[in-house]
């Protein structure tokens, strides 16, 4: 199977985007090695300043853009000829600054979710070769983004990632009460969005399936159902190249299917994670009187009222190896991880002749 993935002016050898995972789970190392293997590697912007040489404890937003560019350059050094992009959550307070800094550092693809990136073409107008890829979970959301972009900026998305809230990890673009009911049909949404662009704009743009993609069978199923490629995140965590601490990877290896579930993020969105330590996350902030130092999210119940927990520091603790009090985001299939492997070995399994 050698189907390429063309997004805007960039063509990947294989139809795989590595999903963005913050805080620093998908940094320069993972993104670079995915790009080197022929996929599209994404550096996640969320909390990128933390655990970086640029952060002093008081310069969060300045360090964010600096650390983001450092990780992008690290990825580029690993994959000089690869396709390297970024994932920037619309919910981030410094969304605009991060998008601009990513372009300065050479990002070729910008993927945006956790909100509707209605202003993205304006932020990137000076860089028309950068591919713009919104994440949507419904035909309606994709229509709103496309119509707004076309009307305001005469620009359409270069691709759309369709995220399945029933299987994807991290923040999810659906109401908590609607997740897991069995009503969502990811591939009907994929085909519906593809048909919308055909009917309304007479264009073919790649539609990427995200959520629950683990192995070659999942990939082949997605392509057979009408997707042009897949986004995979959790599958890449248990690799030597992933930027997370070994203890974070071990949490995947140790977890059982029933350990994975939903919690409400202070961002006001549901999130999927390993829930075995959930009480400890909130308790850590209570015990340490954790202040909101960063103001990393535009909307945050912890920042506004002290409700729930500080998500960026909880994710940071986990990334650094404290999985007892940190938040470990994952997709529904994370329990399938059974060994530490390499990015190349995953690509060999997905696309090798004898797989």
Foldseek 3Di string as FASTA:
>chain_A
DFQWADFQPDIFRAQEEADEDDDQQQFQLLQLVLQQLGYERAYEQFLLLPPDPQDPLAPRVVSSLVSNLVRLVSSCVSPVPGQYAYEAEPQWPCRLVNLLSRVVSPHQEYEYENDQPQCVCVSCVVPVRRAYEYEDQALVSQVVSQVSCCVPPVDGHSEYEHEQQQWFFFFDDDDPVPHPPPPRDRLVRQVSNQVVCCVPVVDGHAYEYEGPQAAQVSQVVSVVSPGSHYHHYLNQSLAPRGQFDPLLLVCLQPDDLVQWDWDQFQSRTIGIFRCPQQVLQLVVCVVVVDAPSDSGGPGGCCNVPNPRHDQSVLRSCVRHNNPNRHTRMGTSCSNVDNHRHHSNVRCCRNDPPVD
